[in-house]
């Protein structure tokens, strides 16, 4: 590869967006995306999402948008934070990253219109924190949930330790955190982690918001 090709490839990677945004009637659908398809919540992704959610919140407040749907792809809603980034952080920078994630979750939780997480595939770690910050959660039959940080010696700093117990109870939440087990969509529905299972959770979320 010559230098020109290398520069072109680098620019193309740099210009890849962290999300796609579509408008369905009065409902915005924000799809997380990444080059590898895992939709990890990198520092850049968290910053971009926080800014975009803020912009959409201002629009929703002024124009009365019906709501927002956050989704991923068929295999990953989000695999959570980028562990390679986390491992390189010292104490002060780790604290800063934690506050950045909390700001994103607060922006979602405080959105002036209903927010749905439309979950397909894996919803793990920080990705689950993001889904928990949404007012509603709908999943596909093959969705998988988990907070597996303890298996790696980590614990979430993005609000999941507060939101999950309020949603499913302290006992079940503690089991999810400590055992680091993967939870199927069927079990997630039974424990109250999600509200419904749908073959197309995005379409179902949009339908509910427009009804």
N, C-alpha and C. Protein backbone atom coordinates (compact mmCIF):
# COMPACT_ATOMS: atom_id res chain seq x y z
N UNK A 1 0.85 -1.20 0.00
CA UNK A 1 0.00 0.00 0.00
C UNK A 1 0.88 1.24 0.00
N UNK A 2 0.67 2.15 -0.97
CA UNK A 2 1.48 3.36 -0.99
C UNK A 2 0.90 4.39 -0.02
N UNK A 3 1.62 5.51 0.13
CA UNK A 3 1.24 6.50 1.14
C UNK A 3 -0.13 7.09 0.85
N UNK A 4 -0.44 7.36 -0.42
CA UNK A 4 -1.74 7.93 -0.77
C UNK A 4 -2.88 7.01 -0.38
N UNK A 5 -2.70 5.70 -0.67
CA UNK A 5 -3.73 4.74 -0.32
C UNK A 5 -3.91 4.66 1.19
N UNK A 6 -2.79 4.73 1.91
CA UNK A 6 -2.85 4.66 3.37
C UNK A 6 -3.61 5.85 3.93
N UNK A 7 -3.35 7.04 3.37
CA UNK A 7 -4.05 8.24 3.84
C UNK A 7 -5.53 8.13 3.56
N UNK A 8 -5.88 7.63 2.35
CA UNK A 8 -7.29 7.49 1.99
C UNK A 8 -7.99 6.53 2.93
N UNK A 9 -7.35 5.37 3.23
CA UNK A 9 -7.95 4.39 4.12
C UNK A 9 -8.13 4.97 5.52
N UNK A 10 -7.14 5.70 6.01
CA UNK A 10 -7.23 6.29 7.34
C UNK A 10 -8.37 7.29 7.42
N UNK A 11 -8.52 8.10 6.38
CA UNK A 11 -9.60 9.09 6.36
C UNK A 11 -10.96 8.41 6.33
N UNK A 12 -11.08 7.33 5.56
CA UNK A 12 -12.33 6.63 5.50
C UNK A 12 -12.71 6.07 6.87
N UNK A 13 -11.76 5.52 7.59
CA UNK A 13 -12.05 4.99 8.92
C UNK A 13 -12.43 6.11 9.87
N UNK A 14 -11.76 7.21 9.78
CA UNK A 14 -12.03 8.33 10.67
C UNK A 14 -13.44 8.89 10.43
N UNK A 15 -13.92 8.80 9.21
CA UNK A 15 -15.20 9.39 8.87
C UNK A 15 -16.39 8.46 9.12
N UNK A 16 -16.11 7.23 9.54
CA UNK A 16 -17.21 6.30 9.85
C UNK A 16 -17.96 6.83 11.07
N UNK A 17 -19.28 6.98 10.95
CA UNK A 17 -20.10 7.53 12.03
C UNK A 17 -20.39 6.47 13.08
N UNK A 18 -20.68 6.91 14.30
CA UNK A 18 -21.02 6.00 15.39
C UNK A 18 -22.50 5.62 15.38
N UNK A 19 -23.28 6.28 14.54
CA UNK A 19 -24.70 5.96 14.48
C UNK A 19 -25.30 6.44 13.17
N UNK A 20 -26.46 5.88 12.85
CA UNK A 20 -27.29 6.33 11.73
C UNK A 20 -28.60 6.83 12.29
N UNK A 21 -29.17 7.86 11.69
CA UNK A 21 -30.41 8.45 12.19
C UNK A 21 -31.43 8.51 11.07
N UNK A 22 -32.61 7.93 11.33
CA UNK A 22 -33.71 7.98 10.38
C UNK A 22 -34.93 8.57 11.08
N UNK A 23 -35.84 9.13 10.29
CA UNK A 23 -37.09 9.67 10.82
C UNK A 23 -38.25 8.90 10.23
N UNK A 24 -39.05 8.29 11.11
CA UNK A 24 -40.24 7.55 10.71
C UNK A 24 -41.45 8.31 11.25
N UNK A 25 -42.06 9.13 10.42
CA UNK A 25 -43.14 9.98 10.90
C UNK A 25 -42.58 10.97 11.91
N UNK A 26 -43.09 10.90 13.13
CA UNK A 26 -42.56 11.75 14.19
C UNK A 26 -41.60 11.05 15.11
N UNK A 27 -41.10 9.89 14.67
CA UNK A 27 -40.23 9.07 15.52
C UNK A 27 -38.83 8.99 14.91
N UNK A 28 -37.83 9.39 15.65
CA UNK A 28 -36.45 9.22 15.22
C UNK A 28 -35.96 7.83 15.63
N UNK A 29 -35.28 7.16 14.72
CA UNK A 29 -34.64 5.87 15.01
C UNK A 29 -33.14 6.06 14.89
N UNK A 30 -32.45 5.91 15.99
CA UNK A 30 -31.00 6.06 16.05
C UNK A 30 -30.39 4.67 16.15
N UNK A 31 -29.62 4.29 15.13
CA UNK A 31 -29.00 2.96 15.10
C UNK A 31 -27.51 3.08 15.39
N UNK A 32 -27.08 2.44 16.46
CA UNK A 32 -25.65 2.37 16.77
C UNK A 32 -24.95 1.59 15.68
N UNK A 33 -23.73 1.98 15.36
CA UNK A 33 -22.96 1.24 14.37
C UNK A 33 -21.47 1.37 14.66
N UNK A 34 -20.71 0.41 14.19
CA UNK A 34 -19.25 0.43 14.31
C UNK A 34 -18.68 -0.42 13.19
N UNK A 35 -17.40 -0.28 12.94
CA UNK A 35 -16.78 -1.02 11.84
C UNK A 35 -16.86 -2.52 12.04
N UNK A 36 -16.71 -2.98 13.30
CA UNK A 36 -16.72 -4.42 13.55
C UNK A 36 -18.11 -4.95 13.88
N UNK A 37 -19.11 -4.06 13.93
CA UNK A 37 -20.48 -4.49 14.14
C UNK A 37 -20.88 -4.73 15.58
N UNK A 38 -19.94 -4.53 16.54
CA UNK A 38 -20.27 -4.79 17.95
C UNK A 38 -20.84 -3.56 18.65
N UNK A 39 -20.75 -2.41 18.00
CA UNK A 39 -21.33 -1.17 18.54
C UNK A 39 -20.81 -0.84 19.93
N UNK A 40 -19.50 -0.97 20.12
CA UNK A 40 -18.91 -0.66 21.42
C UNK A 40 -19.02 0.83 21.70
N UNK A 41 -19.21 1.15 22.97
CA UNK A 41 -19.37 2.54 23.38
C UNK A 41 -18.01 3.12 23.72
N UNK A 42 -17.29 3.49 22.68
CA UNK A 42 -15.99 4.11 22.85
C UNK A 42 -16.17 5.54 23.37
N UNK A 43 -15.06 6.15 23.75
CA UNK A 43 -15.11 7.54 24.20
C UNK A 43 -15.74 8.44 23.13
N UNK A 44 -15.29 8.28 21.89
CA UNK A 44 -15.82 9.10 20.80
C UNK A 44 -17.30 8.83 20.59
N UNK A 45 -17.69 7.56 20.68
CA UNK A 45 -19.10 7.21 20.50
C UNK A 45 -19.95 7.84 21.59
N UNK A 46 -19.49 7.76 22.85
CA UNK A 46 -20.25 8.34 23.96
C UNK A 46 -20.43 9.84 23.77
N UNK A 47 -19.36 10.53 23.38
CA UNK A 47 -19.45 11.97 23.15
C UNK A 47 -20.42 12.30 22.01
N UNK A 48 -20.31 11.55 20.91
CA UNK A 48 -21.18 11.80 19.75
C UNK A 48 -22.64 11.56 20.10
N UNK A 49 -22.90 10.47 20.82
CA UNK A 49 -24.27 10.14 21.20
C UNK A 49 -24.85 11.19 22.16
N UNK A 50 -24.04 11.63 23.11
CA UNK A 50 -24.51 12.64 24.06
C UNK A 50 -24.90 13.92 23.33
N UNK A 51 -24.07 14.35 22.40
CA UNK A 51 -24.37 15.56 21.63
C UNK A 51 -25.62 15.39 20.79
N UNK A 52 -25.77 14.23 20.13
CA UNK A 52 -26.92 14.00 19.26
C UNK A 52 -28.21 13.87 20.07
N UNK A 53 -28.15 13.16 21.19
CA UNK A 53 -29.34 13.03 22.04
C UNK A 53 -29.77 14.41 22.54
N UNK A 54 -28.80 15.24 22.89
CA UNK A 54 -29.12 16.60 23.32
C UNK A 54 -29.81 17.39 22.22
N UNK A 55 -29.31 17.26 21.00
CA UNK A 55 -29.93 17.96 19.86
C UNK A 55 -31.34 17.47 19.63
N UNK A 56 -31.53 16.16 19.67
CA UNK A 56 -32.85 15.59 19.45
C UNK A 56 -33.80 15.96 20.58
N UNK A 57 -33.28 16.08 21.79
CA UNK A 57 -34.12 16.47 22.93
C UNK A 57 -34.64 17.89 22.74
N UNK A 58 -33.77 18.77 22.28
CA UNK A 58 -34.21 20.16 22.04
C UNK A 58 -35.27 20.19 20.94
N UNK A 59 -35.09 19.38 19.91
CA UNK A 59 -36.08 19.33 18.83
C UNK A 59 -37.40 18.76 19.34
N UNK A 60 -37.32 17.68 20.13
CA UNK A 60 -38.54 17.06 20.64
C UNK A 60 -39.32 18.02 21.53
N UNK A 61 -38.59 18.80 22.32
CA UNK A 61 -39.25 19.75 23.21
C UNK A 61 -39.94 20.87 22.44
N UNK A 62 -39.37 21.26 21.31
CA UNK A 62 -39.92 22.39 20.56
C UNK A 62 -40.95 21.96 19.52
N UNK A 63 -40.78 20.76 18.95
CA UNK A 63 -41.65 20.34 17.87
C UNK A 63 -42.62 19.22 18.25
N UNK A 64 -42.49 18.71 19.46
CA UNK A 64 -43.42 17.69 19.90
C UNK A 64 -43.24 16.35 19.22
N UNK A 65 -42.00 15.95 18.94
CA UNK A 65 -41.75 14.64 18.32
C UNK A 65 -42.33 13.53 19.20
N UNK A 66 -42.79 12.46 18.54
CA UNK A 66 -43.46 11.38 19.26
C UNK A 66 -42.51 10.62 20.18
N UNK A 67 -41.25 10.52 19.80
CA UNK A 67 -40.31 9.78 20.63
C UNK A 67 -39.07 9.39 19.88
N UNK A 68 -38.25 8.57 20.53
CA UNK A 68 -36.96 8.15 20.00
C UNK A 68 -36.79 6.66 20.20
N UNK A 69 -36.27 5.99 19.19
CA UNK A 69 -35.93 4.57 19.28
C UNK A 69 -34.43 4.43 19.10
N UNK A 70 -33.79 3.71 20.03
CA UNK A 70 -32.36 3.44 19.92
C UNK A 70 -32.20 1.94 19.64
N UNK A 71 -31.45 1.62 18.59
CA UNK A 71 -31.30 0.24 18.16
C UNK A 71 -29.85 -0.02 17.75
N UNK A 72 -29.55 -1.27 17.47
CA UNK A 72 -28.25 -1.65 16.95
C UNK A 72 -28.41 -2.38 15.64
N UNK A 73 -27.79 -3.56 15.53
CA UNK A 73 -27.98 -4.39 14.35
C UNK A 73 -28.52 -5.75 14.77
N UNK A 74 -28.62 -6.68 13.86
CA UNK A 74 -29.23 -7.97 14.16
C UNK A 74 -28.42 -8.81 15.14
N UNK A 75 -27.10 -8.55 15.23
CA UNK A 75 -26.24 -9.35 16.11
C UNK A 75 -25.88 -8.65 17.41
N UNK A 76 -25.81 -7.33 17.39
CA UNK A 76 -25.42 -6.57 18.58
C UNK A 76 -26.26 -5.31 18.71
N UNK A 77 -26.91 -5.17 19.87
CA UNK A 77 -27.40 -3.85 20.26
C UNK A 77 -26.17 -3.04 20.64
N UNK A 78 -25.41 -3.52 21.61
CA UNK A 78 -24.10 -2.96 21.93
C UNK A 78 -23.37 -3.92 22.85
N UNK A 79 -22.08 -4.11 22.58
CA UNK A 79 -21.25 -4.95 23.44
C UNK A 79 -20.72 -4.20 24.64
N UNK A 80 -21.07 -2.92 24.78
CA UNK A 80 -20.65 -2.14 25.93
C UNK A 80 -19.40 -1.34 25.65
N UNK A 81 -18.74 -0.92 26.71
CA UNK A 81 -17.55 -0.09 26.59
C UNK A 81 -16.42 -0.86 25.91
N UNK A 82 -15.49 -0.12 25.35
CA UNK A 82 -14.32 -0.71 24.69
C UNK A 82 -13.28 -1.05 25.75
N UNK A 83 -13.06 -2.33 26.00
CA UNK A 83 -12.15 -2.75 27.07
C UNK A 83 -10.72 -2.34 26.81
N UNK A 84 -10.33 -2.24 25.54
CA UNK A 84 -8.97 -1.80 25.24
C UNK A 84 -8.78 -0.34 25.64
N UNK A 85 -9.82 0.47 25.51
CA UNK A 85 -9.75 1.85 25.98
C UNK A 85 -9.70 1.90 27.50
N UNK A 86 -10.55 1.12 28.14
CA UNK A 86 -10.62 1.15 29.60
C UNK A 86 -9.30 0.73 30.23
N UNK A 87 -8.66 -0.31 29.66
CA UNK A 87 -7.42 -0.82 30.24
C UNK A 87 -6.29 0.19 30.17
N UNK A 88 -6.41 1.17 29.27
CA UNK A 88 -5.35 2.18 29.12
C UNK A 88 -5.58 3.41 29.99
N UNK A 89 -6.68 3.45 30.74
CA UNK A 89 -7.01 4.63 31.53
C UNK A 89 -6.37 4.58 32.91
N UNK A 90 -5.85 5.73 33.36
CA UNK A 90 -5.41 5.83 34.75
C UNK A 90 -6.61 6.29 35.58
N UNK A 91 -6.42 6.47 36.88
CA UNK A 91 -7.52 6.81 37.77
C UNK A 91 -8.31 8.03 37.36
N UNK A 92 -7.67 9.19 37.17
CA UNK A 92 -8.41 10.41 36.81
C UNK A 92 -9.15 10.27 35.48
N UNK A 93 -8.51 9.63 34.49
CA UNK A 93 -9.17 9.50 33.19
C UNK A 93 -10.31 8.49 33.24
N UNK A 94 -10.17 7.47 34.09
CA UNK A 94 -11.26 6.51 34.27
C UNK A 94 -12.47 7.19 34.90
N UNK A 95 -12.21 8.07 35.87
CA UNK A 95 -13.29 8.82 36.50
C UNK A 95 -13.98 9.73 35.48
N UNK A 96 -13.18 10.38 34.64
CA UNK A 96 -13.73 11.24 33.60
C UNK A 96 -14.61 10.45 32.64
N UNK A 97 -14.14 9.26 32.24
CA UNK A 97 -14.91 8.42 31.32
C UNK A 97 -16.22 7.97 31.98
N UNK A 98 -16.16 7.68 33.28
CA UNK A 98 -17.37 7.30 34.00
C UNK A 98 -18.38 8.44 34.00
N UNK A 99 -17.91 9.67 34.22
CA UNK A 99 -18.80 10.82 34.20
C UNK A 99 -19.38 11.07 32.81
N UNK A 100 -18.58 10.82 31.77
CA UNK A 100 -19.07 10.96 30.40
C UNK A 100 -20.22 9.99 30.14
N UNK A 101 -20.04 8.74 30.56
CA UNK A 101 -21.10 7.75 30.38
C UNK A 101 -22.35 8.11 31.16
N UNK A 102 -22.16 8.61 32.38
CA UNK A 102 -23.32 9.01 33.18
C UNK A 102 -24.07 10.16 32.51
N UNK A 103 -23.33 11.08 31.88
CA UNK A 103 -23.98 12.20 31.19
C UNK A 103 -24.84 11.70 30.03
N UNK A 104 -24.34 10.70 29.31
CA UNK A 104 -25.12 10.12 28.21
C UNK A 104 -26.38 9.46 28.74
N UNK A 105 -26.24 8.65 29.79
CA UNK A 105 -27.41 7.96 30.33
C UNK A 105 -28.43 8.95 30.88
N UNK A 106 -27.96 10.03 31.49
CA UNK A 106 -28.87 11.05 32.01
C UNK A 106 -29.61 11.75 30.87
N UNK A 107 -28.90 12.01 29.76
CA UNK A 107 -29.54 12.64 28.60
C UNK A 107 -30.65 11.77 28.04
N UNK A 108 -30.44 10.46 28.04
CA UNK A 108 -31.47 9.53 27.56
C UNK A 108 -32.63 9.48 28.55
N UNK A 109 -32.30 9.33 29.85
CA UNK A 109 -33.34 9.22 30.88
C UNK A 109 -34.19 10.47 30.97
N UNK A 110 -33.61 11.64 30.70
CA UNK A 110 -34.33 12.91 30.82
C UNK A 110 -34.92 13.39 29.50
N UNK A 111 -34.88 12.56 28.47
CA UNK A 111 -35.40 12.95 27.16
C UNK A 111 -36.87 13.36 27.29
N UNK A 112 -37.29 14.43 26.64
CA UNK A 112 -38.64 14.95 26.83
C UNK A 112 -39.76 14.15 26.17
N UNK A 113 -39.42 13.09 25.47
CA UNK A 113 -40.41 12.20 24.86
C UNK A 113 -40.00 10.76 25.18
N UNK A 114 -40.91 9.81 25.05
CA UNK A 114 -40.56 8.42 25.38
C UNK A 114 -39.41 7.90 24.52
N UNK A 115 -38.51 7.15 25.14
CA UNK A 115 -37.38 6.54 24.45
C UNK A 115 -37.49 5.02 24.59
N UNK A 116 -37.43 4.33 23.46
CA UNK A 116 -37.44 2.87 23.43
C UNK A 116 -36.06 2.35 23.06
N UNK A 117 -35.61 1.32 23.76
CA UNK A 117 -34.47 0.53 23.31
C UNK A 117 -35.04 -0.66 22.54
N UNK A 118 -34.70 -0.78 21.26
CA UNK A 118 -35.14 -1.89 20.41
C UNK A 118 -33.95 -2.82 20.26
N UNK A 119 -33.98 -3.94 20.97
CA UNK A 119 -32.78 -4.73 21.20
C UNK A 119 -32.81 -6.03 20.39
N UNK A 120 -31.78 -6.20 19.58
CA UNK A 120 -31.54 -7.47 18.89
C UNK A 120 -30.12 -7.91 19.23
N UNK A 121 -29.90 -9.22 19.32
CA UNK A 121 -28.56 -9.72 19.58
C UNK A 121 -28.09 -9.39 20.99
N UNK A 122 -26.78 -9.16 21.12
CA UNK A 122 -26.17 -8.99 22.44
C UNK A 122 -26.34 -7.56 22.96
N UNK A 123 -26.77 -7.47 24.21
CA UNK A 123 -26.91 -6.20 24.92
C UNK A 123 -26.15 -6.37 26.23
N UNK A 124 -24.89 -5.93 26.24
CA UNK A 124 -23.98 -6.30 27.32
C UNK A 124 -23.35 -5.07 27.98
N UNK A 125 -23.07 -5.18 29.27
CA UNK A 125 -22.29 -4.17 29.98
C UNK A 125 -22.87 -2.78 29.82
N UNK A 126 -22.04 -1.87 29.30
CA UNK A 126 -22.48 -0.50 29.08
C UNK A 126 -23.63 -0.41 28.10
N UNK A 127 -23.75 -1.38 27.20
CA UNK A 127 -24.90 -1.42 26.30
C UNK A 127 -26.19 -1.67 27.07
N UNK A 128 -26.11 -2.52 28.09
CA UNK A 128 -27.27 -2.74 28.95
C UNK A 128 -27.57 -1.48 29.77
N UNK A 129 -26.52 -0.80 30.24
CA UNK A 129 -26.73 0.47 30.94
C UNK A 129 -27.52 1.45 30.06
N UNK A 130 -27.15 1.50 28.78
CA UNK A 130 -27.84 2.39 27.85
C UNK A 130 -29.31 1.98 27.70
N UNK A 131 -29.56 0.69 27.56
CA UNK A 131 -30.94 0.21 27.44
C UNK A 131 -31.74 0.51 28.71
N UNK A 132 -31.09 0.39 29.86
CA UNK A 132 -31.77 0.67 31.13
C UNK A 132 -32.13 2.14 31.28
N UNK A 133 -31.34 3.02 30.66
CA UNK A 133 -31.63 4.45 30.72
C UNK A 133 -32.85 4.82 29.89
N UNK A 134 -33.22 3.96 28.94
CA UNK A 134 -34.42 4.19 28.13
C UNK A 134 -35.67 3.92 28.96
N UNK A 135 -36.75 4.58 28.61
CA UNK A 135 -38.00 4.40 29.36
C UNK A 135 -38.62 3.04 29.10
N UNK A 136 -38.44 2.51 27.88
CA UNK A 136 -39.04 1.24 27.50
C UNK A 136 -38.00 0.38 26.78
N UNK A 137 -38.18 -0.95 26.87
CA UNK A 137 -37.28 -1.89 26.22
C UNK A 137 -38.09 -3.00 25.55
N UNK A 138 -37.87 -3.20 24.25
CA UNK A 138 -38.46 -4.30 23.50
C UNK A 138 -37.32 -5.08 22.86
N UNK A 139 -37.40 -6.40 22.90
CA UNK A 139 -36.30 -7.23 22.40
C UNK A 139 -36.79 -8.25 21.39
N UNK A 140 -35.89 -8.67 20.54
CA UNK A 140 -36.17 -9.77 19.62
C UNK A 140 -36.03 -11.09 20.37
N UNK A 141 -36.57 -12.18 19.83
CA UNK A 141 -36.49 -13.47 20.54
C UNK A 141 -35.07 -13.95 20.79
N UNK A 142 -34.10 -13.54 19.97
CA UNK A 142 -32.73 -14.03 20.14
C UNK A 142 -31.84 -13.06 20.92
N UNK A 143 -32.41 -12.02 21.50
CA UNK A 143 -31.62 -11.06 22.26
C UNK A 143 -31.00 -11.71 23.49
N UNK A 144 -29.79 -11.26 23.84
CA UNK A 144 -29.07 -11.77 25.01
C UNK A 144 -28.61 -10.57 25.84
N UNK A 145 -28.86 -10.66 27.16
CA UNK A 145 -28.52 -9.57 28.07
C UNK A 145 -27.48 -10.04 29.09
N UNK A 146 -26.66 -9.10 29.55
CA UNK A 146 -25.70 -9.46 30.59
C UNK A 146 -24.88 -8.28 31.05
N UNK A 147 -24.44 -8.37 32.31
CA UNK A 147 -23.51 -7.41 32.88
C UNK A 147 -22.34 -8.24 33.38
N UNK A 148 -21.38 -8.52 32.49
CA UNK A 148 -20.35 -9.51 32.77
C UNK A 148 -19.04 -8.87 33.26
N UNK A 149 -19.11 -7.63 33.71
CA UNK A 149 -17.91 -6.95 34.16
C UNK A 149 -17.20 -7.63 35.31
N UNK A 150 -17.97 -8.22 36.23
CA UNK A 150 -17.34 -8.86 37.38
C UNK A 150 -16.45 -10.03 36.95
N UNK A 151 -16.78 -10.66 35.85
CA UNK A 151 -15.93 -11.75 35.34
C UNK A 151 -14.57 -11.22 34.89
N UNK A 152 -14.50 -9.90 34.66
CA UNK A 152 -13.25 -9.26 34.23
C UNK A 152 -12.67 -8.36 35.31
N UNK A 153 -13.28 -8.40 36.50
CA UNK A 153 -12.81 -7.55 37.59
C UNK A 153 -13.28 -6.12 37.47
N UNK A 154 -14.42 -5.88 36.78
CA UNK A 154 -14.94 -4.54 36.55
C UNK A 154 -16.36 -4.43 37.08
N UNK A 155 -16.78 -3.21 37.33
CA UNK A 155 -18.18 -2.94 37.67
C UNK A 155 -18.58 -1.66 36.96
N UNK A 156 -19.81 -1.61 36.51
CA UNK A 156 -20.25 -0.45 35.74
C UNK A 156 -20.25 0.83 36.56
N UNK A 157 -19.91 1.92 35.90
CA UNK A 157 -19.97 3.23 36.53
C UNK A 157 -20.94 4.14 35.82
N UNK A 158 -21.85 3.55 35.03
CA UNK A 158 -22.75 4.35 34.19
C UNK A 158 -24.20 4.30 34.66
N UNK A 159 -24.42 3.92 35.90
CA UNK A 159 -25.76 3.97 36.45
C UNK A 159 -26.52 2.66 36.47
N UNK A 160 -25.95 1.61 35.90
CA UNK A 160 -26.65 0.33 35.87
C UNK A 160 -26.87 -0.26 37.25
N UNK A 161 -25.95 0.01 38.18
CA UNK A 161 -26.09 -0.53 39.54
C UNK A 161 -27.27 0.10 40.27
N UNK A 162 -27.75 1.24 39.79
CA UNK A 162 -28.91 1.89 40.38
C UNK A 162 -30.19 1.57 39.61
N UNK A 163 -30.13 1.60 38.31
CA UNK A 163 -31.34 1.41 37.50
C UNK A 163 -31.79 -0.05 37.48
N UNK A 164 -30.86 -0.98 37.42
CA UNK A 164 -31.26 -2.39 37.32
C UNK A 164 -32.00 -2.87 38.57
N UNK A 165 -31.53 -2.60 39.80
CA UNK A 165 -32.29 -3.02 40.98
C UNK A 165 -33.69 -2.39 41.05
N UNK A 166 -33.80 -1.13 40.62
CA UNK A 166 -35.12 -0.49 40.64
C UNK A 166 -36.08 -1.16 39.66
N UNK A 167 -35.53 -1.76 38.62
CA UNK A 167 -36.37 -2.37 37.59
C UNK A 167 -36.74 -3.80 37.91
N UNK A 168 -35.78 -4.60 38.35
CA UNK A 168 -36.04 -6.04 38.54
C UNK A 168 -35.88 -6.51 39.98
N UNK A 169 -35.54 -5.59 40.90
CA UNK A 169 -35.36 -5.97 42.30
C UNK A 169 -33.89 -6.19 42.64
N UNK A 170 -33.55 -5.96 43.90
CA UNK A 170 -32.16 -6.03 44.32
C UNK A 170 -31.56 -7.43 44.19
N UNK A 171 -32.36 -8.44 44.55
CA UNK A 171 -31.85 -9.80 44.52
C UNK A 171 -31.46 -10.25 43.12
N UNK A 172 -32.36 -10.05 42.17
CA UNK A 172 -32.09 -10.46 40.80
C UNK A 172 -30.97 -9.62 40.19
N UNK A 173 -30.95 -8.32 40.51
CA UNK A 173 -29.90 -7.46 39.98
C UNK A 173 -28.53 -7.89 40.51
N UNK A 174 -28.45 -8.18 41.80
CA UNK A 174 -27.18 -8.62 42.38
C UNK A 174 -26.72 -9.92 41.73
N UNK A 175 -27.65 -10.81 41.47
CA UNK A 175 -27.30 -12.07 40.80
C UNK A 175 -26.75 -11.82 39.41
N UNK A 176 -27.37 -10.89 38.67
CA UNK A 176 -26.87 -10.57 37.33
C UNK A 176 -25.47 -10.00 37.38
N UNK A 177 -25.21 -9.12 38.34
CA UNK A 177 -23.90 -8.49 38.45
C UNK A 177 -22.83 -9.49 38.91
N UNK A 178 -23.13 -10.28 39.92
CA UNK A 178 -22.12 -11.15 40.53
C UNK A 178 -21.89 -12.42 39.71
N UNK A 179 -22.98 -13.06 39.28
CA UNK A 179 -22.83 -14.31 38.52
C UNK A 179 -22.38 -14.05 37.10
N UNK A 180 -22.65 -12.84 36.59
CA UNK A 180 -22.26 -12.44 35.23
C UNK A 180 -22.82 -13.40 34.18
N UNK A 181 -24.03 -13.91 34.45
CA UNK A 181 -24.66 -14.83 33.51
C UNK A 181 -25.29 -14.08 32.34
N UNK A 182 -25.46 -14.78 31.24
CA UNK A 182 -26.18 -14.25 30.09
C UNK A 182 -27.67 -14.58 30.26
N UNK A 183 -28.51 -13.60 29.99
CA UNK A 183 -29.95 -13.73 30.18
C UNK A 183 -30.64 -13.72 28.81
N UNK A 184 -31.47 -14.72 28.56
CA UNK A 184 -32.21 -14.78 27.29
C UNK A 184 -33.35 -13.78 27.29
N UNK A 185 -33.87 -13.51 26.11
CA UNK A 185 -35.01 -12.60 26.00
C UNK A 185 -36.20 -13.12 26.79
N UNK A 186 -36.42 -14.41 26.74
CA UNK A 186 -37.55 -15.00 27.47
C UNK A 186 -37.42 -14.76 28.97
N UNK A 187 -36.22 -14.99 29.51
CA UNK A 187 -36.00 -14.77 30.94
C UNK A 187 -36.03 -13.28 31.27
N UNK A 188 -35.52 -12.45 30.36
CA UNK A 188 -35.56 -11.01 30.59
C UNK A 188 -36.99 -10.51 30.69
N UNK A 189 -37.86 -11.06 29.87
CA UNK A 189 -39.28 -10.68 29.93
C UNK A 189 -39.90 -11.14 31.24
N UNK A 190 -39.57 -12.35 31.66
CA UNK A 190 -40.15 -12.89 32.89
C UNK A 190 -39.73 -12.08 34.12
N UNK A 191 -38.48 -11.61 34.15
CA UNK A 191 -38.00 -10.85 35.31
C UNK A 191 -38.31 -9.36 35.24
N UNK A 192 -38.87 -8.90 34.11
CA UNK A 192 -39.25 -7.50 34.00
C UNK A 192 -38.18 -6.60 33.44
N UNK A 193 -37.12 -7.18 32.90
CA UNK A 193 -36.05 -6.37 32.31
C UNK A 193 -36.51 -5.72 31.00
N UNK A 194 -37.37 -6.41 30.26
CA UNK A 194 -37.95 -5.88 29.03
C UNK A 194 -39.47 -5.95 29.13
N UNK A 195 -40.14 -5.19 28.27
CA UNK A 195 -41.60 -5.14 28.30
C UNK A 195 -42.26 -6.10 27.33
N UNK A 196 -41.55 -6.41 26.25
CA UNK A 196 -42.16 -7.25 25.21
C UNK A 196 -41.08 -7.87 24.35
N UNK A 197 -41.45 -8.96 23.67
CA UNK A 197 -40.61 -9.61 22.67
C UNK A 197 -41.30 -9.48 21.33
N UNK A 198 -40.57 -9.05 20.32
CA UNK A 198 -41.13 -8.86 18.98
C UNK A 198 -40.11 -9.29 17.94
N UNK A 199 -40.57 -9.87 16.85
CA UNK A 199 -39.65 -10.27 15.79
C UNK A 199 -38.89 -9.08 15.22
N UNK A 200 -39.56 -7.94 15.14
CA UNK A 200 -38.94 -6.70 14.68
C UNK A 200 -39.15 -5.65 15.76
N UNK A 201 -38.23 -5.56 16.73
CA UNK A 201 -38.44 -4.63 17.85
C UNK A 201 -38.46 -3.17 17.45
N UNK A 202 -37.73 -2.81 16.39
CA UNK A 202 -37.75 -1.41 15.93
C UNK A 202 -39.15 -1.06 15.42
N UNK A 203 -39.70 -1.89 14.56
CA UNK A 203 -41.04 -1.64 14.00
C UNK A 203 -42.08 -1.60 15.11
N UNK A 204 -41.94 -2.48 16.09
CA UNK A 204 -42.90 -2.50 17.19
C UNK A 204 -42.78 -1.25 18.04
N UNK A 205 -41.55 -0.79 18.29
CA UNK A 205 -41.36 0.43 19.08
C UNK A 205 -41.95 1.64 18.35
N UNK A 206 -41.70 1.74 17.04
CA UNK A 206 -42.25 2.84 16.25
C UNK A 206 -43.77 2.79 16.26
N UNK A 207 -44.33 1.58 16.12
CA UNK A 207 -45.78 1.44 16.13
C UNK A 207 -46.38 1.94 17.44
N UNK A 208 -45.74 1.58 18.55
CA UNK A 208 -46.25 2.01 19.86
C UNK A 208 -46.15 3.52 20.03
N UNK A 209 -45.08 4.10 19.56
CA UNK A 209 -44.91 5.54 19.70
C UNK A 209 -45.89 6.31 18.82
N UNK A 210 -46.25 5.75 17.69
CA UNK A 210 -47.15 6.44 16.77
C UNK A 210 -48.63 6.19 17.10
N UNK A 211 -48.90 5.24 17.96
CA UNK A 211 -50.30 4.91 18.27
C UNK A 211 -50.89 5.88 19.29
